Amino acid sequence: MVNMSAEELNLGELADNGGPTMTHALLTEPTVSVAIDQIPEAECLDADGAALTTDQRGEPRPVALERIAQTTRGL
């Protein structure tokens, strides 16, 4: 486990980013969040061991960095 501040991770404020819970957006400006793509896709599994294909908003995952940038800018 690594201890980093929200500023170091470049996270947005806790907010309603879609889905059933409040989340911190992974920001791409002024720098790309180091949290993006840190968990290998093969390890993104649900409780039954099936691959996660959507995020909590129902959006497809994994998502290209360009799409994350658009989402964090509200486009």
N, C-alpha and C. Protein backbone atom coordinates (compact mmCIF):
# COMPACT_ATOMS: atom_id res chain seq x y z
N MET A 1 0.84 -1.17 0.00
CA MET A 1 0.00 0.00 0.00
C MET A 1 0.89 1.23 0.00
N VAL A 2 0.50 2.23 -0.75
CA VAL A 2 1.25 3.47 -0.85
C VAL A 2 0.40 4.59 -0.27
N ASN A 3 0.99 5.40 0.56
CA ASN A 3 0.28 6.56 1.10
C ASN A 3 0.57 7.77 0.24
N MET A 4 -0.48 8.31 -0.36
CA MET A 4 -0.38 9.51 -1.19
C MET A 4 -1.57 10.39 -0.88
N SER A 5 -1.37 11.68 -0.99
CA SER A 5 -2.48 12.61 -0.77
C SER A 5 -3.36 12.66 -2.02
N ALA A 6 -4.57 13.18 -1.85
CA ALA A 6 -5.47 13.36 -2.99
C ALA A 6 -4.83 14.27 -4.03
N GLU A 7 -4.08 15.26 -3.57
CA GLU A 7 -3.40 16.18 -4.50
C GLU A 7 -2.36 15.42 -5.33
N GLU A 8 -1.59 14.55 -4.68
CA GLU A 8 -0.60 13.76 -5.40
C GLU A 8 -1.24 12.79 -6.39
N LEU A 9 -2.42 12.26 -6.02
CA LEU A 9 -3.14 11.35 -6.90
C LEU A 9 -3.88 12.08 -8.01
N ASN A 10 -4.04 13.39 -7.88
CA ASN A 10 -4.79 14.23 -8.81
C ASN A 10 -6.23 13.74 -8.92
N LEU A 11 -6.90 13.71 -7.77
CA LEU A 11 -8.30 13.31 -7.69
C LEU A 11 -9.20 14.52 -7.60
N GLY A 12 -10.38 14.41 -8.17
CA GLY A 12 -11.37 15.46 -8.02
C GLY A 12 -12.00 15.39 -6.64
N GLU A 13 -12.78 16.38 -6.32
CA GLU A 13 -13.52 16.39 -5.06
C GLU A 13 -14.52 15.24 -5.04
N LEU A 14 -14.88 14.77 -3.85
CA LEU A 14 -15.92 13.76 -3.71
C LEU A 14 -17.20 14.36 -4.29
N ALA A 15 -17.77 13.68 -5.29
CA ALA A 15 -18.91 14.26 -6.00
C ALA A 15 -19.77 13.16 -6.62
N ASP A 16 -20.95 13.56 -7.08
CA ASP A 16 -21.84 12.66 -7.81
C ASP A 16 -21.34 12.62 -9.25
N ASN A 17 -20.56 11.60 -9.58
CA ASN A 17 -20.03 11.43 -10.93
C ASN A 17 -20.85 10.40 -11.71
N GLY A 18 -22.06 10.12 -11.23
CA GLY A 18 -22.91 9.09 -11.82
C GLY A 18 -22.77 7.82 -11.01
N GLY A 19 -23.78 7.00 -11.02
CA GLY A 19 -23.74 5.77 -10.23
C GLY A 19 -24.34 5.97 -8.86
N PRO A 20 -24.37 4.89 -8.07
CA PRO A 20 -25.08 4.92 -6.80
C PRO A 20 -24.31 5.55 -5.64
N THR A 21 -23.01 5.80 -5.79
CA THR A 21 -22.23 6.36 -4.69
C THR A 21 -21.43 7.57 -5.15
N MET A 22 -21.05 8.40 -4.21
CA MET A 22 -20.18 9.53 -4.50
C MET A 22 -18.77 8.99 -4.75
N THR A 23 -18.06 9.59 -5.70
CA THR A 23 -16.72 9.15 -6.04
C THR A 23 -15.79 10.34 -6.27
N HIS A 24 -14.50 10.04 -6.29
CA HIS A 24 -13.48 11.02 -6.66
C HIS A 24 -13.11 10.73 -8.11
N ALA A 25 -13.28 11.70 -8.99
CA ALA A 25 -12.88 11.52 -10.39
C ALA A 25 -11.36 11.46 -10.48
N LEU A 26 -10.86 10.64 -11.40
CA LEU A 26 -9.43 10.59 -11.69
C LEU A 26 -9.17 11.66 -12.75
N LEU A 27 -8.47 12.70 -12.36
CA LEU A 27 -8.29 13.85 -13.25
C LEU A 27 -7.11 13.67 -14.20
N THR A 28 -7.17 14.36 -15.32
CA THR A 28 -6.10 14.32 -16.30
C THR A 28 -5.41 15.66 -16.47
N GLU A 29 -5.88 16.67 -15.78
CA GLU A 29 -5.27 18.00 -15.85
C GLU A 29 -5.12 18.54 -14.44
N PRO A 30 -4.08 19.20 -14.04
CA PRO A 30 -2.96 19.61 -14.89
C PRO A 30 -2.03 18.45 -15.23
N THR A 31 -2.08 17.35 -14.48
CA THR A 31 -1.31 16.15 -14.82
C THR A 31 -2.24 14.95 -14.73
N VAL A 32 -1.87 13.86 -15.37
CA VAL A 32 -2.68 12.65 -15.35
C VAL A 32 -2.55 11.97 -13.99
N SER A 33 -3.67 11.60 -13.41
CA SER A 33 -3.67 10.91 -12.12
C SER A 33 -2.88 9.62 -12.20
N VAL A 34 -2.02 9.40 -11.22
CA VAL A 34 -1.25 8.16 -11.19
C VAL A 34 -2.14 6.95 -10.89
N ALA A 35 -3.39 7.19 -10.48
CA ALA A 35 -4.30 6.08 -10.19
C ALA A 35 -4.89 5.45 -11.46
N ILE A 36 -4.81 6.14 -12.59
CA ILE A 36 -5.36 5.62 -13.84
C ILE A 36 -4.55 4.41 -14.29
N ASP A 37 -5.24 3.32 -14.57
CA ASP A 37 -4.65 2.09 -15.09
C ASP A 37 -3.66 1.42 -14.15
N GLN A 38 -3.83 1.58 -12.85
CA GLN A 38 -2.90 0.96 -11.91
C GLN A 38 -3.24 -0.48 -11.57
N ILE A 39 -4.48 -0.89 -11.81
CA ILE A 39 -4.87 -2.28 -11.56
C ILE A 39 -4.93 -2.99 -12.91
N PRO A 40 -4.14 -4.04 -13.09
CA PRO A 40 -4.17 -4.76 -14.37
C PRO A 40 -5.59 -5.22 -14.70
N GLU A 41 -5.96 -5.10 -15.97
CA GLU A 41 -7.31 -5.46 -16.41
C GLU A 41 -7.68 -6.87 -15.98
N ALA A 42 -6.72 -7.79 -16.00
CA ALA A 42 -6.99 -9.18 -15.63
C ALA A 42 -7.37 -9.32 -14.16
N GLU A 43 -7.07 -8.33 -13.33
CA GLU A 43 -7.40 -8.37 -11.91
C GLU A 43 -8.69 -7.63 -11.57
N CYS A 44 -9.34 -7.05 -12.57
CA CYS A 44 -10.60 -6.32 -12.35
C CYS A 44 -11.76 -7.31 -12.46
N LEU A 45 -12.03 -7.97 -11.32
CA LEU A 45 -13.02 -9.04 -11.28
C LEU A 45 -14.11 -8.74 -10.26
N ASP A 46 -15.29 -9.29 -10.50
CA ASP A 46 -16.35 -9.16 -9.50
C ASP A 46 -16.19 -10.25 -8.44
N ALA A 47 -17.12 -10.31 -7.50
CA ALA A 47 -17.02 -11.26 -6.39
C ALA A 47 -17.04 -12.71 -6.84
N ASP A 48 -17.59 -12.96 -8.04
CA ASP A 48 -17.64 -14.33 -8.57
C ASP A 48 -16.46 -14.65 -9.47
N GLY A 49 -15.53 -13.69 -9.62
CA GLY A 49 -14.36 -13.91 -10.46
C GLY A 49 -14.57 -13.59 -11.93
N ALA A 50 -15.72 -13.02 -12.28
CA ALA A 50 -16.00 -12.64 -13.67
C ALA A 50 -15.40 -11.26 -13.94
N ALA A 51 -14.96 -11.06 -15.17
CA ALA A 51 -14.37 -9.77 -15.55
C ALA A 51 -15.40 -8.65 -15.42
N LEU A 52 -14.97 -7.51 -14.86
CA LEU A 52 -15.83 -6.33 -14.78
C LEU A 52 -15.82 -5.65 -16.14
N THR A 53 -16.98 -5.51 -16.74
CA THR A 53 -17.07 -4.90 -18.06
C THR A 53 -17.70 -3.51 -18.02
N THR A 54 -18.26 -3.14 -16.86
CA THR A 54 -18.83 -1.80 -16.70
C THR A 54 -18.41 -1.23 -15.36
N ASP A 55 -18.40 0.10 -15.27
CA ASP A 55 -18.13 0.73 -13.98
C ASP A 55 -19.44 0.91 -13.24
N GLN A 56 -19.41 1.56 -12.07
CA GLN A 56 -20.64 1.66 -11.27
C GLN A 56 -21.71 2.52 -11.93
N ARG A 57 -21.34 3.30 -12.94
CA ARG A 57 -22.32 4.10 -13.68
C ARG A 57 -22.97 3.31 -14.79
N GLY A 58 -22.42 2.11 -15.07
CA GLY A 58 -22.89 1.32 -16.19
C GLY A 58 -22.13 1.61 -17.47
N GLU A 59 -21.09 2.42 -17.38
CA GLU A 59 -20.26 2.76 -18.55
C GLU A 59 -19.27 1.63 -18.81
N PRO A 60 -18.96 1.38 -20.08
CA PRO A 60 -18.02 0.31 -20.39
C PRO A 60 -16.63 0.58 -19.82
N ARG A 61 -15.95 -0.48 -19.45
CA ARG A 61 -14.57 -0.37 -19.01
C ARG A 61 -13.80 -1.52 -19.61
N PRO A 62 -12.52 -1.43 -19.83
CA PRO A 62 -11.70 -0.26 -19.54
C PRO A 62 -12.00 0.87 -20.50
N VAL A 63 -11.60 2.06 -20.11
CA VAL A 63 -11.87 3.26 -20.89
C VAL A 63 -10.56 3.89 -21.31
N ALA A 64 -10.48 4.32 -22.54
CA ALA A 64 -9.28 4.98 -23.04
C ALA A 64 -9.07 6.30 -22.31
N LEU A 65 -7.83 6.67 -22.13
CA LEU A 65 -7.48 7.90 -21.43
C LEU A 65 -8.17 9.11 -22.03
N GLU A 66 -8.33 9.15 -23.35
CA GLU A 66 -8.99 10.29 -23.99
C GLU A 66 -10.42 10.44 -23.50
N ARG A 67 -11.11 9.32 -23.27
CA ARG A 67 -12.49 9.37 -22.80
C ARG A 67 -12.55 9.84 -21.36
N ILE A 68 -11.57 9.42 -20.54
CA ILE A 68 -11.52 9.90 -19.15
C ILE A 68 -11.36 11.40 -19.14
N ALA A 69 -10.50 11.92 -20.01
CA ALA A 69 -10.28 13.37 -20.08
C ALA A 69 -11.57 14.09 -20.42
N GLN A 70 -12.35 13.57 -21.37
CA GLN A 70 -13.61 14.19 -21.72
C GLN A 70 -14.58 14.16 -20.57
N THR A 71 -14.63 13.04 -19.85
CA THR A 71 -15.56 12.89 -18.73
C THR A 71 -15.22 13.86 -17.60
N THR A 72 -13.93 14.01 -17.28
CA THR A 72 -13.57 14.89 -16.18
C THR A 72 -13.76 16.35 -16.52
N ARG A 73 -13.85 16.68 -17.81
CA ARG A 73 -14.13 18.06 -18.22
C ARG A 73 -15.62 18.28 -18.43
N GLY A 74 -16.42 17.23 -18.22
CA GLY A 74 -17.87 17.38 -18.35
C GLY A 74 -18.36 17.38 -19.78
N LEU A 75 -17.59 16.84 -20.71
CA LEU A 75 -18.01 16.83 -22.11
C LEU A 75 -18.85 15.62 -22.41
